[in-house]
Amino acid sequence: MTISLGLQYILMQILGAMFGSFIVWLMYKDHFTETDDAGAKEAVFCTRPAIFNPKINIISEIVGTFVLIFCILNFTSPTTYQGQTFGLGSIGAIPVSFVVWGIGLSLGGTTGYAINPARDLGPRITHALLPIKNKKSFNIAYAWVPVIGPLIGSALATLIYVYIK
């Protein structure tokens, strides 16, 4: 994959997340208008840590993303044994969904586990742009954590996977 193609994938994921969060806002516009809870409105769009501690928060995102990507790489990569190739193929999505669930149960309380930069950044930008009554700010002091943490975690998982394969 070329860098250009990789950047296109990243851009499209962010735009897709923005579009999806915009659709959610449209569907629940009346609810957003009725509630005064700015935190509940923000939670629909992006993550926020239970306790703001950027060092611990970024470690949580790195670990969660590392586990996710490392498992995905192992579940979806075919293995050759005695001339036969084995792999889960598309059924690999089932164990991956359990991994995501496990990450949420174990690390979700610390940061809300974005574990994908587009999952947090795209909707966070949408939240900032939409005319939502009584909304919270973009929270730039924290917004970098669910972007940088997953990038580091996925890079580490990929490097270790390539190294041990």
N, C-alpha and C. Protein backbone atom coordinates (compact mmCIF):
# COMPACT_ATOMS: atom_id res chain seq x y z
N MET A 1 0.85 -1.17 0.00
CA MET A 1 0.00 0.00 0.00
C MET A 1 0.90 1.24 0.00
N THR A 2 0.57 2.18 -0.85
CA THR A 2 1.36 3.40 -0.90
C THR A 2 0.92 4.35 0.19
N ILE A 3 1.79 5.30 0.48
CA ILE A 3 1.45 6.30 1.50
C ILE A 3 0.23 7.10 1.06
N SER A 4 0.15 7.42 -0.22
CA SER A 4 -0.99 8.17 -0.75
C SER A 4 -2.30 7.43 -0.51
N LEU A 5 -2.29 6.13 -0.78
CA LEU A 5 -3.49 5.33 -0.57
C LEU A 5 -3.83 5.25 0.92
N GLY A 6 -2.81 5.11 1.75
CA GLY A 6 -3.03 5.08 3.19
C GLY A 6 -3.65 6.38 3.70
N LEU A 7 -3.17 7.50 3.22
CA LEU A 7 -3.73 8.80 3.61
C LEU A 7 -5.18 8.94 3.13
N GLN A 8 -5.47 8.39 1.97
CA GLN A 8 -6.84 8.42 1.47
C GLN A 8 -7.77 7.61 2.38
N TYR A 9 -7.30 6.43 2.82
CA TYR A 9 -8.09 5.62 3.74
C TYR A 9 -8.35 6.38 5.04
N ILE A 10 -7.32 7.01 5.57
CA ILE A 10 -7.47 7.76 6.81
C ILE A 10 -8.48 8.88 6.65
N LEU A 11 -8.34 9.65 5.57
CA LEU A 11 -9.27 10.75 5.32
C LEU A 11 -10.71 10.24 5.17
N MET A 12 -10.88 9.15 4.44
CA MET A 12 -12.23 8.63 4.23
C MET A 12 -12.83 8.08 5.52
N GLN A 13 -12.02 7.49 6.38
CA GLN A 13 -12.53 7.02 7.67
C GLN A 13 -13.01 8.20 8.52
N ILE A 14 -12.21 9.26 8.53
CA ILE A 14 -12.60 10.44 9.31
C ILE A 14 -13.88 11.06 8.74
N LEU A 15 -13.94 11.20 7.42
CA LEU A 15 -15.14 11.77 6.79
C LEU A 15 -16.35 10.87 7.01
N GLY A 16 -16.15 9.55 6.95
CA GLY A 16 -17.25 8.62 7.21
C GLY A 16 -17.76 8.74 8.63
N ALA A 17 -16.85 8.87 9.58
CA ALA A 17 -17.24 9.05 10.98
C ALA A 17 -17.97 10.37 11.18
N MET A 18 -17.51 11.41 10.47
CA MET A 18 -18.19 12.71 10.55
C MET A 18 -19.60 12.60 9.99
N PHE A 19 -19.73 11.94 8.85
CA PHE A 19 -21.05 11.78 8.22
C PHE A 19 -21.98 10.98 9.12
N GLY A 20 -21.46 9.88 9.68
CA GLY A 20 -22.27 9.06 10.57
C GLY A 20 -22.75 9.82 11.79
N SER A 21 -21.86 10.61 12.38
CA SER A 21 -22.26 11.37 13.56
C SER A 21 -23.24 12.49 13.20
N PHE A 22 -23.12 13.02 11.99
CA PHE A 22 -24.08 14.02 11.52
C PHE A 22 -25.48 13.40 11.38
N ILE A 23 -25.54 12.18 10.85
CA ILE A 23 -26.83 11.48 10.71
C ILE A 23 -27.44 11.22 12.09
N VAL A 24 -26.61 10.82 13.05
CA VAL A 24 -27.12 10.60 14.42
C VAL A 24 -27.68 11.91 14.97
N TRP A 25 -26.96 13.00 14.75
CA TRP A 25 -27.45 14.30 15.23
C TRP A 25 -28.80 14.64 14.59
N LEU A 26 -28.93 14.40 13.29
CA LEU A 26 -30.21 14.67 12.61
C LEU A 26 -31.34 13.85 13.21
N MET A 27 -31.07 12.57 13.46
CA MET A 27 -32.11 11.68 13.98
C MET A 27 -32.52 12.05 15.40
N TYR A 28 -31.59 12.58 16.18
CA TYR A 28 -31.87 12.90 17.58
C TYR A 28 -31.85 14.40 17.85
N LYS A 29 -32.03 15.20 16.82
CA LYS A 29 -31.97 16.66 16.96
C LYS A 29 -32.93 17.16 18.04
N ASP A 30 -34.13 16.63 18.05
CA ASP A 30 -35.11 17.07 19.06
C ASP A 30 -34.64 16.73 20.47
N HIS A 31 -33.99 15.59 20.63
CA HIS A 31 -33.48 15.20 21.96
C HIS A 31 -32.33 16.11 22.39
N PHE A 32 -31.48 16.47 21.43
CA PHE A 32 -30.38 17.39 21.74
C PHE A 32 -30.93 18.75 22.16
N THR A 33 -32.03 19.17 21.55
CA THR A 33 -32.63 20.45 21.87
C THR A 33 -33.26 20.43 23.26
N GLU A 34 -33.87 19.31 23.63
CA GLU A 34 -34.58 19.21 24.90
C GLU A 34 -33.68 19.08 26.12
N THR A 35 -32.56 18.42 25.98
CA THR A 35 -31.71 18.19 27.14
C THR A 35 -30.74 19.34 27.37
N ASP A 36 -30.45 19.58 28.64
CA ASP A 36 -29.48 20.61 29.01
C ASP A 36 -28.14 19.99 29.40
N ASP A 37 -28.05 18.67 29.41
CA ASP A 37 -26.83 17.98 29.83
C ASP A 37 -25.79 17.99 28.70
N ALA A 38 -24.88 18.95 28.78
CA ALA A 38 -23.86 19.11 27.73
C ALA A 38 -22.95 17.88 27.64
N GLY A 39 -22.68 17.25 28.77
CA GLY A 39 -21.83 16.06 28.78
C GLY A 39 -22.48 14.89 28.05
N ALA A 40 -23.78 14.72 28.24
CA ALA A 40 -24.50 13.64 27.55
C ALA A 40 -24.50 13.88 26.04
N LYS A 41 -24.64 15.12 25.65
CA LYS A 41 -24.61 15.46 24.22
C LYS A 41 -23.23 15.17 23.63
N GLU A 42 -22.21 15.56 24.35
CA GLU A 42 -20.84 15.33 23.87
C GLU A 42 -20.52 13.84 23.78
N ALA A 43 -21.01 13.05 24.74
CA ALA A 43 -20.71 11.62 24.80
C ALA A 43 -21.20 10.87 23.56
N VAL A 44 -22.20 11.41 22.89
CA VAL A 44 -22.69 10.80 21.66
C VAL A 44 -21.63 10.90 20.56
N PHE A 45 -20.82 11.93 20.61
CA PHE A 45 -19.87 12.22 19.54
C PHE A 45 -18.44 11.75 19.82
N CYS A 46 -17.99 11.84 21.04
CA CYS A 46 -16.57 11.57 21.29
C CYS A 46 -16.35 11.06 22.71
N THR A 47 -15.12 10.64 22.95
CA THR A 47 -14.77 10.10 24.26
C THR A 47 -14.27 11.21 25.18
N ARG A 48 -14.32 10.91 26.46
CA ARG A 48 -13.80 11.81 27.50
C ARG A 48 -13.35 10.92 28.64
N PRO A 49 -12.20 11.19 29.22
CA PRO A 49 -11.74 10.30 30.29
C PRO A 49 -12.55 10.48 31.57
N ALA A 50 -12.65 9.39 32.33
CA ALA A 50 -13.30 9.48 33.63
C ALA A 50 -12.49 10.39 34.55
N ILE A 51 -11.16 10.25 34.49
CA ILE A 51 -10.25 11.11 35.24
C ILE A 51 -9.22 11.64 34.25
N PHE A 52 -9.13 12.94 34.14
CA PHE A 52 -8.19 13.54 33.19
C PHE A 52 -6.77 13.40 33.71
N ASN A 53 -6.02 12.50 33.10
CA ASN A 53 -4.62 12.27 33.41
C ASN A 53 -3.99 11.83 32.09
N PRO A 54 -3.53 12.79 31.28
CA PRO A 54 -3.08 12.46 29.92
C PRO A 54 -2.08 11.31 29.83
N LYS A 55 -1.17 11.19 30.81
CA LYS A 55 -0.19 10.10 30.76
C LYS A 55 -0.88 8.73 30.84
N ILE A 56 -1.75 8.58 31.80
CA ILE A 56 -2.48 7.31 31.96
C ILE A 56 -3.48 7.13 30.83
N ASN A 57 -4.15 8.20 30.43
CA ASN A 57 -5.14 8.13 29.36
C ASN A 57 -4.51 7.65 28.05
N ILE A 58 -3.33 8.17 27.71
CA ILE A 58 -2.70 7.76 26.45
C ILE A 58 -2.19 6.32 26.54
N ILE A 59 -1.72 5.91 27.71
CA ILE A 59 -1.30 4.52 27.88
C ILE A 59 -2.50 3.59 27.70
N SER A 60 -3.65 3.97 28.22
CA SER A 60 -4.86 3.18 28.06
C SER A 60 -5.22 3.01 26.58
N GLU A 61 -5.14 4.10 25.83
CA GLU A 61 -5.45 4.05 24.39
C GLU A 61 -4.40 3.23 23.63
N ILE A 62 -3.14 3.35 24.01
CA ILE A 62 -2.08 2.58 23.35
C ILE A 62 -2.31 1.09 23.60
N VAL A 63 -2.54 0.71 24.85
CA VAL A 63 -2.73 -0.70 25.19
C VAL A 63 -3.98 -1.26 24.51
N GLY A 64 -5.09 -0.55 24.59
CA GLY A 64 -6.33 -1.02 23.96
C GLY A 64 -6.18 -1.21 22.46
N THR A 65 -5.57 -0.26 21.80
CA THR A 65 -5.39 -0.36 20.35
C THR A 65 -4.39 -1.44 20.00
N PHE A 66 -3.32 -1.55 20.78
CA PHE A 66 -2.34 -2.61 20.56
C PHE A 66 -3.02 -3.98 20.60
N VAL A 67 -3.80 -4.23 21.62
CA VAL A 67 -4.49 -5.52 21.75
C VAL A 67 -5.41 -5.75 20.56
N LEU A 68 -6.18 -4.74 20.19
CA LEU A 68 -7.11 -4.87 19.07
C LEU A 68 -6.38 -5.20 17.77
N ILE A 69 -5.39 -4.42 17.41
CA ILE A 69 -4.70 -4.60 16.14
C ILE A 69 -3.91 -5.90 16.14
N PHE A 70 -3.25 -6.22 17.22
CA PHE A 70 -2.48 -7.45 17.29
C PHE A 70 -3.40 -8.67 17.11
N CYS A 71 -4.56 -8.63 17.75
CA CYS A 71 -5.52 -9.73 17.59
C CYS A 71 -6.07 -9.79 16.17
N ILE A 72 -6.40 -8.64 15.61
CA ILE A 72 -6.91 -8.62 14.23
C ILE A 72 -5.89 -9.22 13.28
N LEU A 73 -4.65 -8.82 13.41
CA LEU A 73 -3.61 -9.35 12.54
C LEU A 73 -3.48 -10.86 12.68
N ASN A 74 -3.60 -11.37 13.88
CA ASN A 74 -3.48 -12.81 14.10
C ASN A 74 -4.73 -13.56 13.68
N PHE A 75 -5.91 -12.99 13.89
CA PHE A 75 -7.15 -13.67 13.50
C PHE A 75 -7.33 -13.72 11.99
N THR A 76 -6.88 -12.69 11.31
CA THR A 76 -7.18 -12.60 9.88
C THR A 76 -6.06 -13.09 8.97
N SER A 77 -4.89 -13.35 9.53
CA SER A 77 -3.77 -13.83 8.71
C SER A 77 -3.85 -15.34 8.55
N PRO A 78 -3.88 -15.82 7.30
CA PRO A 78 -3.88 -17.27 7.11
C PRO A 78 -2.54 -17.88 7.54
N THR A 79 -2.60 -19.09 8.05
CA THR A 79 -1.42 -19.81 8.50
C THR A 79 -1.22 -21.04 7.63
N THR A 80 0.01 -21.30 7.28
CA THR A 80 0.31 -22.49 6.50
C THR A 80 0.93 -23.53 7.42
N TYR A 81 0.33 -24.73 7.38
CA TYR A 81 0.81 -25.85 8.20
C TYR A 81 0.83 -27.09 7.34
N GLN A 82 1.99 -27.69 7.17
CA GLN A 82 2.19 -28.88 6.36
C GLN A 82 1.57 -28.74 4.97
N GLY A 83 1.83 -27.58 4.35
CA GLY A 83 1.36 -27.34 2.99
C GLY A 83 -0.09 -26.90 2.88
N GLN A 84 -0.82 -26.92 3.96
CA GLN A 84 -2.22 -26.49 3.96
C GLN A 84 -2.33 -25.07 4.53
N THR A 85 -3.19 -24.28 3.95
CA THR A 85 -3.41 -22.93 4.44
C THR A 85 -4.70 -22.89 5.24
N PHE A 86 -4.60 -22.38 6.45
CA PHE A 86 -5.75 -22.26 7.34
C PHE A 86 -5.95 -20.81 7.73
N GLY A 87 -7.18 -20.42 7.88
CA GLY A 87 -7.48 -19.06 8.32
C GLY A 87 -8.96 -18.93 8.62
N LEU A 88 -9.33 -17.91 9.33
CA LEU A 88 -10.73 -17.70 9.68
C LEU A 88 -11.51 -16.99 8.58
N GLY A 89 -10.81 -16.27 7.71
CA GLY A 89 -11.52 -15.52 6.67
C GLY A 89 -12.45 -14.50 7.27
N SER A 90 -13.63 -14.35 6.69
CA SER A 90 -14.56 -13.32 7.16
C SER A 90 -15.16 -13.65 8.52
N ILE A 91 -15.11 -14.93 8.92
CA ILE A 91 -15.62 -15.29 10.24
C ILE A 91 -14.73 -14.73 11.35
N GLY A 92 -13.54 -14.25 10.97
CA GLY A 92 -12.63 -13.63 11.93
C GLY A 92 -13.23 -12.40 12.60
N ALA A 93 -14.30 -11.86 12.02
CA ALA A 93 -14.97 -10.71 12.63
C ALA A 93 -15.61 -11.08 13.97
N ILE A 94 -15.97 -12.34 14.13
CA ILE A 94 -16.62 -12.75 15.38
C ILE A 94 -15.66 -12.67 16.56
N PRO A 95 -14.48 -13.29 16.50
CA PRO A 95 -13.58 -13.13 17.65
C PRO A 95 -13.10 -11.69 17.83
N VAL A 96 -12.98 -10.94 16.73
CA VAL A 96 -12.58 -9.54 16.86
C VAL A 96 -13.63 -8.76 17.64
N SER A 97 -14.90 -9.06 17.42
CA SER A 97 -15.95 -8.36 18.16
C SER A 97 -15.86 -8.66 19.65
N PHE A 98 -15.48 -9.89 20.00
CA PHE A 98 -15.28 -10.23 21.41
C PHE A 98 -14.07 -9.51 22.00
N VAL A 99 -13.05 -9.33 21.18
CA VAL A 99 -11.86 -8.57 21.63
C VAL A 99 -12.26 -7.12 21.92
N VAL A 100 -13.01 -6.51 21.02
CA VAL A 100 -13.46 -5.12 21.23
C VAL A 100 -14.30 -5.05 22.51
N TRP A 101 -15.17 -6.01 22.72
CA TRP A 101 -15.99 -6.05 23.92
C TRP A 101 -15.11 -6.16 25.16
N GLY A 102 -14.10 -7.04 25.11
CA GLY A 102 -13.18 -7.20 26.24
C GLY A 102 -12.39 -5.94 26.52
N ILE A 103 -11.96 -5.26 25.46
CA ILE A 103 -11.24 -3.99 25.64
C ILE A 103 -12.16 -2.98 26.31
N GLY A 104 -13.40 -2.93 25.88
CA GLY A 104 -14.36 -2.01 26.49
C GLY A 104 -14.61 -2.30 27.96
N LEU A 105 -14.74 -3.59 28.28
CA LEU A 105 -14.98 -3.97 29.67
C LEU A 105 -13.78 -3.68 30.56
N SER A 106 -12.58 -3.85 30.01
CA SER A 106 -11.38 -3.68 30.84
C SER A 106 -10.83 -2.26 30.85
N LEU A 107 -10.87 -1.58 29.73
CA LEU A 107 -10.26 -0.25 29.64
C LEU A 107 -11.26 0.88 29.35
N GLY A 108 -12.49 0.53 29.10
CA GLY A 108 -13.49 1.53 28.72
C GLY A 108 -13.72 2.61 29.76
N GLY A 109 -13.57 2.26 31.02
CA GLY A 109 -13.81 3.23 32.08
C GLY A 109 -12.78 4.33 32.17
N THR A 110 -11.58 4.08 31.69
CA THR A 110 -10.54 5.10 31.81
C THR A 110 -10.67 6.20 30.77
N THR A 111 -10.93 5.83 29.52
CA THR A 111 -10.96 6.85 28.46
C THR A 111 -12.19 6.77 27.55
N GLY A 112 -12.99 5.73 27.66
CA GLY A 112 -14.08 5.55 26.72
C GLY A 112 -13.61 4.75 25.51
N TYR A 113 -12.38 4.34 25.49
CA TYR A 113 -11.69 3.53 24.50
C TYR A 113 -12.06 3.85 23.05
N ALA A 114 -11.46 4.89 22.52
CA ALA A 114 -11.65 5.23 21.11
C ALA A 114 -11.05 4.13 20.23
N ILE A 115 -9.87 3.64 20.54
CA ILE A 115 -9.10 2.62 19.83
C ILE A 115 -9.11 2.75 18.30
N ASN A 116 -9.48 3.89 17.81
CA ASN A 116 -9.43 4.22 16.39
C ASN A 116 -9.48 5.74 16.30
N PRO A 117 -8.46 6.38 15.73
CA PRO A 117 -8.45 7.85 15.68
C PRO A 117 -9.68 8.44 15.00
N ALA A 118 -10.15 7.80 13.94
CA ALA A 118 -11.30 8.33 13.20
C ALA A 118 -12.57 8.26 14.04
N ARG A 119 -12.69 7.25 14.89
CA ARG A 119 -13.89 7.08 15.72
C ARG A 119 -14.09 8.26 16.67
N ASP A 120 -13.02 8.88 17.08
CA ASP A 120 -13.14 10.01 17.99
C ASP A 120 -13.00 11.35 17.28
N LEU A 121 -12.01 11.48 16.43
CA LEU A 121 -11.71 12.77 15.81
C LEU A 121 -12.82 13.25 14.88
N GLY A 122 -13.30 12.39 14.00
CA GLY A 122 -14.35 12.79 13.06
C GLY A 122 -15.60 13.30 13.76
N PRO A 123 -16.19 12.51 14.66
CA PRO A 123 -17.37 12.99 15.38
C PRO A 123 -17.09 14.19 16.28
N ARG A 124 -15.88 14.28 16.82
CA ARG A 124 -15.52 15.43 17.66
C ARG A 124 -15.55 16.72 16.83
N ILE A 125 -15.04 16.63 15.60
CA ILE A 125 -15.07 17.79 14.69
C ILE A 125 -16.52 18.12 14.34
N THR A 126 -17.32 17.09 14.06
CA THR A 126 -18.74 17.32 13.74
C THR A 126 -19.43 18.01 14.91
N HIS A 127 -19.18 17.54 16.13
CA HIS A 127 -19.78 18.15 17.32
C HIS A 127 -19.41 19.62 17.42
N ALA A 128 -18.16 19.93 17.12
CA ALA A 128 -17.70 21.32 17.19
C ALA A 128 -18.39 22.19 16.13
N LEU A 129 -18.69 21.62 14.98
CA LEU A 129 -19.28 22.39 13.88
C LEU A 129 -20.79 22.53 13.95
N LEU A 130 -21.47 21.59 14.57
CA LEU A 130 -22.94 21.60 14.59
C LEU A 130 -23.50 22.66 15.54
N PRO A 131 -24.65 23.20 15.17
CA PRO A 131 -25.29 24.20 16.05
C PRO A 131 -26.10 23.53 17.16
N ILE A 132 -25.41 22.96 18.12
CA ILE A 132 -26.05 22.26 19.23
C ILE A 132 -26.14 23.22 20.41
N LYS A 133 -27.34 23.36 20.94
CA LYS A 133 -27.58 24.23 22.09
C LYS A 133 -26.87 23.67 23.32
N ASN A 134 -26.19 24.51 24.07
CA ASN A 134 -25.55 24.15 25.33
C ASN A 134 -24.59 22.97 25.17
N LYS A 135 -23.61 23.12 24.30
CA LYS A 135 -22.66 22.02 24.10
C LYS A 135 -21.32 22.35 24.73
N LYS A 136 -20.54 21.29 24.96
CA LYS A 136 -19.19 21.46 25.51
C LYS A 136 -18.24 21.88 24.40
N SER A 137 -17.05 22.27 24.81
CA SER A 137 -16.04 22.71 23.84
C SER A 137 -15.38 21.51 23.17
N PHE A 138 -14.52 21.76 22.23
CA PHE A 138 -13.78 20.73 21.49
C PHE A 138 -12.85 19.96 22.42
N ASN A 139 -12.45 20.55 23.53
CA ASN A 139 -11.57 19.94 24.53
C ASN A 139 -10.21 19.56 23.94
N ILE A 140 -9.53 20.51 23.40
CA ILE A 140 -8.24 20.28 22.76
C ILE A 140 -7.20 19.72 23.74
N ALA A 141 -7.37 20.00 25.02
CA ALA A 141 -6.44 19.48 26.02
C ALA A 141 -6.46 17.96 26.06
N TYR A 142 -7.58 17.35 25.67
CA TYR A 142 -7.69 15.90 25.66
C TYR A 142 -7.82 15.31 24.26
N ALA A 143 -8.30 16.09 23.30
CA ALA A 143 -8.64 15.56 21.97
C ALA A 143 -7.49 14.85 21.27
N TRP A 144 -6.27 15.16 21.59
CA TRP A 144 -5.13 14.51 20.94
C TRP A 144 -4.92 13.09 21.43
N VAL A 145 -5.35 12.77 22.65
CA VAL A 145 -5.11 11.44 23.25
C VAL A 145 -5.76 10.32 22.42
N PRO A 146 -7.07 10.41 22.06
CA PRO A 146 -7.67 9.32 21.29
C PRO A 146 -7.24 9.31 19.82
N VAL A 147 -6.36 10.19 19.43
CA VAL A 147 -5.79 10.16 18.08
C VAL A 147 -4.38 9.59 18.14
N ILE A 148 -3.54 10.15 18.98
CA ILE A 148 -2.13 9.74 19.06
C ILE A 148 -1.99 8.36 19.70
N GLY A 149 -2.74 8.09 20.77
CA GLY A 149 -2.66 6.79 21.44
C GLY A 149 -2.91 5.62 20.50
N PRO A 150 -4.03 5.62 19.77
CA PRO A 150 -4.26 4.52 18.83
C PRO A 150 -3.23 4.44 17.70
N LEU A 151 -2.69 5.56 17.27
CA LEU A 151 -1.65 5.51 16.24
C LEU A 151 -0.41 4.81 16.78
N ILE A 152 -0.02 5.13 18.00
CA ILE A 152 1.15 4.47 18.61
C ILE A 152 0.86 2.99 18.84
N GLY A 153 -0.31 2.69 19.41
CA GLY A 153 -0.67 1.31 19.69
C GLY A 153 -0.71 0.44 18.45
N SER A 154 -1.28 0.97 17.37
CA SER A 154 -1.36 0.17 16.14
C SER A 154 0.01 -0.01 15.51
N ALA A 155 0.84 1.01 15.58
CA ALA A 155 2.21 0.89 15.02
C ALA A 155 3.00 -0.15 15.80
N LEU A 156 2.91 -0.11 17.12
CA LEU A 156 3.63 -1.10 17.95
C LEU A 156 3.13 -2.52 17.68
N ALA A 157 1.81 -2.69 17.59
CA ALA A 157 1.24 -4.01 17.32
C ALA A 157 1.70 -4.55 15.98
N THR A 158 1.72 -3.69 14.98
CA THR A 158 2.14 -4.11 13.65
C THR A 158 3.62 -4.47 13.63
N LEU A 159 4.44 -3.64 14.26
CA LEU A 159 5.88 -3.94 14.31
C LEU A 159 6.17 -5.26 15.01
N ILE A 160 5.52 -5.49 16.13
CA ILE A 160 5.75 -6.74 16.86
C ILE A 160 5.20 -7.93 16.07
N TYR A 161 4.05 -7.77 15.46
CA TYR A 161 3.48 -8.85 14.64
C TYR A 161 4.43 -9.21 13.49
N VAL A 162 4.94 -8.22 12.79
CA VAL A 162 5.86 -8.47 11.68
C VAL A 162 7.14 -9.11 12.20
N TYR A 163 7.61 -8.67 13.34
CA TYR A 163 8.85 -9.20 13.91
C TYR A 163 8.72 -10.68 14.29
N ILE A 164 7.58 -11.06 14.89
CA ILE A 164 7.44 -12.45 15.35
C ILE A 164 6.98 -13.39 14.25
N LYS A 165 6.46 -12.88 13.18
CA LYS A 165 6.00 -13.74 12.07
C LYS A 165 7.15 -14.20 11.29
